[in-house]
Structures are given as structure tokens and as C-alpha cells.
Amino acid sequence: NQTHQEKPAQKMVPNPTVPAPFIDKISIVVTFLEADASDVYKAFWTAIDDKSLFNDTGAKAKGGYKIAKLLNLKSTPARVLFQLKYEDKKAVKCRLEFNPRKLGEKGLDELRAVLATLMDGGWEYVIKHGRITRIDIAVDIPNTRPENYAILPQQGLTTHKWAVSGKLETFVLGTKKGNQTLLYNKKAKRLSQKQKWLGKAAVRIERRLRHPTPYKLSSLHKLPNPFKAAKLLKMPGPPALEKKPYMWSLFTDSVSVRGLTAALALLPAERRTAYRKHLELCEHELWAPDQIWAKWPACLAEYKLDQV
């Protein structure tokens, strides 16, 4: 008898035509060890005298922390939100929130230099004792618009959508307290913020993960593909088992008016189940979650958030 040998799993080669994911925002909470608490407290109150580096924020930015400052880095107009909680002249924890893509390599190096003055080991301390409390991972699909897609949500999730002049601009799946999927017109958003945009419209699909697992910076390479949760569809023809094709026409008309979630909710249970199964097989040809996520290692290599 010949011994059966399993073939090793083939590693997916990233497709150069598929857009790459990027981190749009990350929030990290660092809890200080008792042995370091006094030193961090003293270092912060020494460093805060540099008004060119530590800019004031509004009261809302404190968010439960005693101190909130914006770090004014020289190489980029992007800012890092730094929050600190302390008790009895001891630092308890701090929180960092920033967009690594906007900071760029030089900005991230500046951030590392600032943290090295506040805690022993600087970024190494953040890696060791920090916890990711939120990470927004996004991908931009060029030359398309939100109305070209339908999103099939998991059952029971809340959905919201905003339209301008009858055209879908933003779709939000999930609540603010949990994970969310956002789909929106990036060009429209930029223009609404009075920022320049060259070229055609693009759709941004964003996954906002709160308290992700794993939560350590050193384990970001192990993060499961967040885009698997986003089912982006191109509305197909009726399912083969539909004996009344006109019912599908009525359903698609309902989708255009109410949205996919609300249209499904109006159907009898049996037909709703059949339609969902049919839709699950019809992902949009421009949506390739596995190929997108194959580029995640390159994204991490660019930011070096998991490295000292």
C-alpha cells in the first residue's frame, strides 16, 4: 500500500490588478507596569512643556482620560491623538490614535522618537504592553460607484444608508459599538471636505474592527481576513428554482427603493431563505477578498507597526 501524502498548501500570489488593503486608523491602549508608572508620569509632565509638539484638543477628545493632546509632527500635517490617564502621580495607561498611512514612514519614525522620551523602550514598550482597541482596514476600488453594488448583510445586523440626489453615497452595516462595514463614495467624501480629487470616482470598503482578535501589534500578521464579512453583490437574474420569475422582478424593484436588507425582510420566510442562498453565490466580479488580503503582509511591511 502506498502512503498517501498531502500536497502542501499553495500560498496565494497577490494579483497586481487587485487593490491593496491599508490601515485607515488604529487605536492602541498601553497599560503601564507598576514599576514604570512613576517614571512615565514624570517624563510626560517634562515633555508637555514643548508646546510645539503637544497641541491642545477640545474637551471631548479626553474620552475618559485626564489628558488629551495632539502630537504635532514635523514631517506631516497628520496628527496623533495622545491620551493619558494617571492617579496619585502615576501613569495608569495611555491611548494612541492615528492613521499610519497619513503619517508615512517619516511620521512614524517621529512618533517612535517621541514615545522613546516618555517610556523606557519607546515603541518596543507599546508592542509589548499595548492592546489594539480599534483598527480600520480599508480598500479602494477605482472607477466604480456605491450604487453598482448590493451588500448582503448577516442576518440581524443593523444597516444604514445615505443617498444624495438619488444616488447611494454611504452604506453602513453594524452598530458603532461593534464591528462595522462601510461602503462609500470616496470622491464624494473628499469633495464634501473641500479636498481635491483627480480622476474618476472610487468606492472605499472599510472594515472597522473593535477589540480585534488577535489584539497585539506583534500578531497583526495573524489577523483573519476582515473582508470575508463583506458580501458585495451584483444583482443577478432570478434563481433557477423560482417558478414565478415576476416575483424576482418585484423583489429587485423593491431593492432599488428600500435596499437589500429591507427588501428581503418583506419576503415570506421560505422565499427569503431561497433568495439569500441565491444571492450568496453572486459576488461582484470586482470584489476579491482573498486576493485583497494576500497583500496584507506587504501593508504591514510598509508600516512596520509590529517592529521596533
Protein backbone atom coordinates (compact mmCIF):
# COMPACT_ATOMS: atom_id res chain seq x y z
CA ASN A 1 0.00 0.00 0.00
CA GLN A 2 1.32 3.39 -0.98
CA THR A 3 1.27 6.05 1.71
CA HIS A 4 -0.97 8.98 0.83
CA GLN A 5 0.88 12.27 1.11
CA GLU A 6 -0.99 15.53 1.24
CA LYS A 7 0.27 18.27 -1.01
CA PRO A 8 1.45 21.38 0.85
CA ALA A 9 -0.98 24.27 0.70
CA GLN A 10 -0.07 26.69 -2.05
CA LYS A 11 0.47 30.27 -1.00
CA MET A 12 -1.73 32.72 -2.87
CA VAL A 13 0.26 35.04 -5.14
CA PRO A 14 -1.15 38.60 -4.93
CA ASN A 15 -2.74 39.75 -8.17
CA PRO A 16 -1.18 43.10 -9.20
CA THR A 17 -4.50 44.33 -10.59
CA VAL A 18 -6.31 43.79 -7.28
CA PRO A 19 -6.26 46.82 -4.93
CA ALA A 20 -4.22 46.57 -1.74
CA PRO A 21 -5.63 46.99 1.78
CA PHE A 22 -4.39 49.72 4.09
CA ILE A 23 -4.88 50.78 7.72
CA ASP A 24 -7.02 53.91 7.81
CA LYS A 25 -6.95 54.25 11.60
CA ILE A 26 -5.56 52.38 14.57
CA SER A 27 -6.13 52.89 18.31
CA ILE A 28 -3.73 51.37 20.83
CA VAL A 29 -4.08 51.39 24.62
CA VAL A 30 -0.86 50.87 26.60
CA THR A 31 -1.19 49.80 30.23
CA PHE A 32 1.85 50.72 32.28
CA LEU A 33 3.51 48.34 34.68
CA GLU A 34 3.58 49.47 38.32
CA ALA A 35 7.38 49.63 38.16
CA ASP A 36 7.22 52.12 35.27
CA ALA A 37 4.19 54.20 36.30
CA SER A 38 6.06 56.96 38.21
CA ASP A 39 8.76 57.39 35.57
CA VAL A 40 6.24 57.70 32.74
CA TYR A 41 4.24 60.26 34.73
CA LYS A 42 7.34 62.40 35.34
CA ALA A 43 8.54 62.07 31.75
CA PHE A 44 5.19 63.21 30.38
CA TRP A 45 4.97 66.31 32.53
CA THR A 46 8.51 67.23 31.49
CA ALA A 47 7.83 66.69 27.79
CA ILE A 48 4.49 68.53 27.80
CA ASP A 49 6.32 71.85 28.20
CA ASP A 50 7.17 71.60 24.48
CA LYS A 51 4.10 73.41 23.14
CA SER A 52 5.29 72.99 19.56
CA LEU A 53 4.88 69.22 19.94
CA PHE A 54 1.93 68.86 22.33
CA ASN A 55 -1.07 70.75 20.95
CA ASP A 56 -4.28 71.25 22.88
CA THR A 57 -7.51 69.48 21.92
CA GLY A 58 -11.16 70.01 22.72
CA ALA A 59 -12.63 68.65 25.94
CA LYS A 60 -14.43 65.86 24.05
CA ALA A 61 -11.09 64.42 22.95
CA LYS A 62 -10.33 63.31 26.50
CA GLY A 63 -12.82 60.46 26.26
CA GLY A 64 -12.45 59.33 29.86
CA TYR A 65 -8.73 60.17 30.08
CA LYS A 66 -7.38 63.06 32.15
CA ILE A 67 -5.15 64.48 29.43
CA ALA A 68 -5.61 64.63 25.65
CA LYS A 69 -3.04 66.16 23.29
CA LEU A 70 -2.37 66.16 19.57
CA LEU A 71 1.22 65.38 18.66
CA ASN A 72 2.41 67.91 16.09
CA LEU A 73 4.92 66.04 13.93
CA LYS A 74 7.25 67.97 11.63
CA SER A 75 7.15 65.74 8.56
CA THR A 76 3.38 65.54 8.12
CA PRO A 77 0.24 67.60 8.74
CA ALA A 78 -1.41 64.45 10.13
CA ARG A 79 -1.74 64.35 13.91
CA VAL A 80 -1.54 61.64 16.56
CA LEU A 81 -4.07 61.75 19.38
CA PHE A 82 -2.33 61.02 22.69
CA GLN A 83 -4.45 60.47 25.82
CA LEU A 84 -3.17 59.79 29.30
CA LYS A 85 -4.81 58.52 32.47
CA TYR A 86 -2.98 58.87 35.78
CA GLU A 87 -3.62 58.53 39.51
CA ASP A 88 -1.51 59.56 42.52
CA LYS A 89 1.29 60.83 40.26
CA LYS A 90 1.48 57.51 38.46
CA ALA A 91 0.65 56.86 34.84
CA VAL A 92 -2.05 54.20 34.53
CA LYS A 93 -2.44 53.93 30.76
CA CYS A 94 -2.21 55.93 27.57
CA ARG A 95 -4.02 55.73 24.25
CA LEU A 96 -2.67 56.46 20.78
CA GLU A 97 -4.89 57.02 17.75
CA PHE A 98 -3.53 57.76 14.28
CA ASN A 99 -3.63 56.98 10.58
CA PRO A 100 -0.32 55.26 9.72
CA ARG A 101 -0.87 55.84 6.02
CA LYS A 102 -1.09 59.61 6.53
CA LEU A 103 1.84 59.70 8.94
CA GLY A 104 4.07 57.92 6.46
CA GLU A 105 7.47 56.44 7.22
CA LYS A 106 8.97 59.70 8.49
CA GLY A 107 5.96 60.48 10.65
CA LEU A 108 6.01 57.03 12.22
CA ASP A 109 9.71 57.45 12.95
CA GLU A 110 8.96 60.79 14.63
CA LEU A 111 6.23 59.14 16.71
CA ARG A 112 8.68 56.47 17.81
CA ALA A 113 11.16 59.17 18.84
CA VAL A 114 8.51 60.97 20.93
CA LEU A 115 7.46 57.78 22.69
CA ALA A 116 11.09 56.98 23.49
CA THR A 117 11.14 60.12 25.67
CA LEU A 118 8.00 59.05 27.55
CA MET A 119 8.57 55.38 28.31
CA ASP A 120 11.58 53.11 28.59
CA GLY A 121 11.91 51.30 25.29
CA GLY A 122 9.50 53.57 23.42
CA TRP A 123 7.77 51.68 20.63
CA GLU A 124 9.06 48.37 21.98
CA TYR A 125 7.09 49.07 25.18
CA VAL A 126 3.99 49.78 23.07
CA ILE A 127 4.39 46.48 21.22
CA LYS A 128 4.86 44.56 24.46
CA HIS A 129 2.20 46.19 26.64
CA GLY A 130 -0.17 47.71 24.10
CA ARG A 131 -3.57 46.42 23.04
CA ILE A 132 -5.31 47.31 19.77
CA THR A 133 -8.78 48.56 20.68
CA ARG A 134 -9.79 49.54 17.15
CA ILE A 135 -8.38 49.12 13.68
CA ASP A 136 -9.97 50.35 10.45
CA ILE A 137 -8.81 48.40 7.41
CA ALA A 138 -9.90 49.69 4.02
CA VAL A 139 -9.52 49.09 0.31
CA ASP A 140 -10.34 51.40 -2.60
CA ILE A 141 -11.88 50.02 -5.78
CA PRO A 142 -11.32 52.54 -8.60
CA ASN A 143 -13.68 53.57 -11.39
CA THR A 144 -16.90 52.47 -9.72
CA ARG A 145 -19.69 53.83 -7.53
CA PRO A 146 -21.61 52.55 -4.47
CA GLU A 147 -24.83 52.11 -6.42
CA ASN A 148 -23.10 49.44 -8.54
CA TYR A 149 -23.08 47.13 -5.52
CA ALA A 150 -25.57 45.44 -3.26
CA ILE A 151 -24.43 44.32 0.18
CA LEU A 152 -25.84 41.13 1.65
CA PRO A 153 -25.68 41.59 5.44
CA GLN A 154 -25.56 38.86 8.01
CA GLN A 155 -28.99 38.36 9.47
CA GLY A 156 -29.86 40.57 12.40
CA LEU A 157 -27.28 43.30 11.70
CA THR A 158 -28.31 46.95 11.60
CA THR A 159 -27.95 48.81 8.31
CA HIS A 160 -27.96 52.49 7.45
CA LYS A 161 -27.58 54.24 4.14
CA TRP A 162 -27.33 57.80 2.92
CA ALA A 163 -28.14 58.92 -0.61
CA VAL A 164 -27.53 62.20 -2.42
CA SER A 165 -29.66 63.11 -5.46
CA GLY A 166 -31.00 59.57 -5.53
CA LYS A 167 -27.52 58.00 -5.70
CA LEU A 168 -26.19 55.85 -2.88
CA GLU A 169 -23.23 57.60 -1.21
CA THR A 170 -22.72 55.71 2.06
CA PHE A 171 -23.80 52.33 3.38
CA VAL A 172 -23.08 51.27 6.98
CA LEU A 173 -23.59 47.75 8.25
CA GLY A 174 -23.44 47.19 12.02
CA THR A 175 -23.57 49.44 15.08
CA LYS A 176 -20.98 51.84 16.49
CA LYS A 177 -20.36 49.59 19.49
CA GLY A 178 -19.49 46.57 17.36
CA ASN A 179 -17.66 45.82 14.13
CA GLN A 180 -18.87 47.71 11.08
CA THR A 181 -18.67 47.50 7.31
CA LEU A 182 -18.77 50.81 5.43
CA LEU A 183 -19.09 51.33 1.71
CA TYR A 184 -18.95 54.88 0.42
CA ASN A 185 -18.05 57.13 -2.48
CA LYS A 186 -14.52 58.31 -1.65
CA LYS A 187 -14.54 61.04 -4.27
CA ALA A 188 -17.80 62.49 -2.93
CA LYS A 189 -16.46 62.45 0.63
CA ARG A 190 -13.25 64.23 -0.36
CA LEU A 191 -15.12 66.90 -2.28
CA SER A 192 -17.54 67.42 0.63
CA GLN A 193 -14.48 68.11 2.80
CA LYS A 194 -13.27 70.65 0.20
CA GLN A 195 -10.30 68.44 -0.68
CA LYS A 196 -9.05 67.88 -4.20
CA TRP A 197 -9.78 64.67 -6.09
CA LEU A 198 -8.34 63.89 -9.51
CA GLY A 199 -9.88 61.28 -11.78
CA LYS A 200 -12.98 59.14 -11.60
CA ALA A 201 -15.00 58.06 -8.59
CA ALA A 202 -13.83 55.23 -6.36
CA VAL A 203 -15.59 53.05 -3.83
CA ARG A 204 -13.99 52.62 -0.42
CA ILE A 205 -14.89 49.50 1.51
CA GLU A 206 -13.87 49.78 5.13
CA ARG A 207 -13.96 47.30 7.97
CA ARG A 208 -13.94 48.85 11.44
CA LEU A 209 -12.88 46.25 13.98
CA ARG A 210 -13.25 46.94 17.69
CA HIS A 211 -11.14 44.90 20.12
CA PRO A 212 -9.92 42.59 17.33
CA THR A 213 -8.52 39.13 17.92
CA PRO A 214 -5.56 38.94 17.99
CA TYR A 215 -5.11 42.33 19.63
CA LYS A 216 -1.30 42.60 19.83
CA LEU A 217 0.70 44.62 17.32
CA SER A 218 3.13 41.72 17.05
CA SER A 219 0.25 39.47 15.90
CA LEU A 220 -1.21 41.71 13.19
CA HIS A 221 0.02 39.25 10.57
CA LYS A 222 -2.35 36.67 12.09
CA LEU A 223 -5.43 38.87 11.77
CA PRO A 224 -8.22 36.95 9.97
CA ASN A 225 -9.37 38.41 6.67
CA PRO A 226 -11.91 41.09 7.73
CA PHE A 227 -13.24 41.48 4.19
CA LYS A 228 -14.73 37.99 4.32
CA ALA A 229 -17.59 39.54 6.28
CA ALA A 230 -18.45 41.88 3.40
CA LYS A 231 -20.65 40.21 0.78
CA LEU A 232 -20.66 42.58 -2.20
CA LEU A 233 -23.02 41.51 -4.93
CA LYS A 234 -24.01 42.33 -8.44
CA MET A 235 -27.73 41.73 -8.64
CA PRO A 236 -28.23 38.52 -10.66
CA GLY A 237 -31.16 37.12 -12.59
CA PRO A 238 -33.81 35.03 -10.81
CA PRO A 239 -32.86 31.74 -9.14
CA ALA A 240 -33.46 28.64 -11.25
CA LEU A 241 -35.99 27.30 -8.73
CA GLU A 242 -38.16 30.41 -8.90
CA LYS A 243 -41.39 29.25 -10.59
CA LYS A 244 -42.70 32.81 -10.74
CA PRO A 245 -39.96 34.94 -12.39
CA TYR A 246 -42.04 38.08 -11.99
CA MET A 247 -41.58 37.73 -8.22
CA TRP A 248 -37.86 38.30 -8.72
CA SER A 249 -38.58 41.42 -10.77
CA LEU A 250 -40.76 42.76 -7.98
CA PHE A 251 -38.01 41.92 -5.48
CA THR A 252 -35.27 43.74 -7.43
CA ASP A 253 -37.55 46.77 -7.77
CA SER A 254 -38.03 46.67 -4.01
CA VAL A 255 -34.25 46.51 -3.52
CA SER A 256 -33.76 49.66 -5.60
CA VAL A 257 -36.23 51.54 -3.39
CA ARG A 258 -35.73 50.05 0.08
CA GLY A 259 -32.29 48.46 -0.04
CA LEU A 260 -31.45 44.76 0.03
CA THR A 261 -31.94 44.22 3.75
CA ALA A 262 -35.40 45.80 3.89
CA ALA A 263 -36.48 44.09 0.66
CA LEU A 264 -35.53 40.67 2.00
CA ALA A 265 -37.38 41.36 5.24
CA LEU A 266 -40.65 41.80 3.33
CA LEU A 267 -40.49 38.32 1.82
CA PRO A 268 -42.16 35.20 3.27
CA ALA A 269 -39.63 33.12 5.22
CA GLU A 270 -39.28 30.34 2.65
CA ARG A 271 -38.72 32.67 -0.30
CA ARG A 272 -36.41 34.88 1.78
CA THR A 273 -34.19 31.88 2.57
CA ALA A 274 -34.11 30.81 -1.08
CA TYR A 275 -33.28 34.32 -2.29
CA ARG A 276 -30.48 34.73 0.27
CA LYS A 277 -28.88 31.45 -0.81
CA HIS A 278 -29.09 32.57 -4.43
CA LEU A 279 -27.55 35.97 -3.68
CA GLU A 280 -24.70 34.47 -1.65
CA LEU A 281 -23.41 32.84 -4.84
CA CYS A 282 -23.33 36.10 -6.81
CA GLU A 283 -20.39 38.13 -5.50
CA HIS A 284 -19.43 41.12 -7.65
CA GLU A 285 -16.65 40.39 -10.13
CA LEU A 286 -14.62 43.35 -8.81
CA TRP A 287 -14.78 42.02 -5.24
CA ALA A 288 -11.95 39.59 -4.43
CA PRO A 289 -11.46 39.37 -0.62
CA ASP A 290 -8.86 36.59 -0.76
CA GLN A 291 -6.75 38.38 -3.35
CA ILE A 292 -7.02 41.65 -1.45
CA TRP A 293 -5.93 40.03 1.80
CA ALA A 294 -2.97 38.35 0.08
CA LYS A 295 -1.47 41.87 0.05
CA TRP A 296 -1.85 42.37 3.81
CA PRO A 297 1.77 41.28 4.58
CA ALA A 298 3.05 43.98 2.21
CA CYS A 299 0.88 46.53 4.00
CA LEU A 300 2.36 45.57 7.38
CA ALA A 301 5.88 45.65 5.95
CA GLU A 302 5.29 49.25 4.85
CA TYR A 303 4.09 50.49 8.26
CA LYS A 304 6.38 48.34 10.44
CA LEU A 305 3.97 48.74 13.37
CA ASP A 306 4.99 45.33 14.68
CA GLN A 307 8.70 46.17 14.60
CA VAL A 308 10.99 48.14 16.88
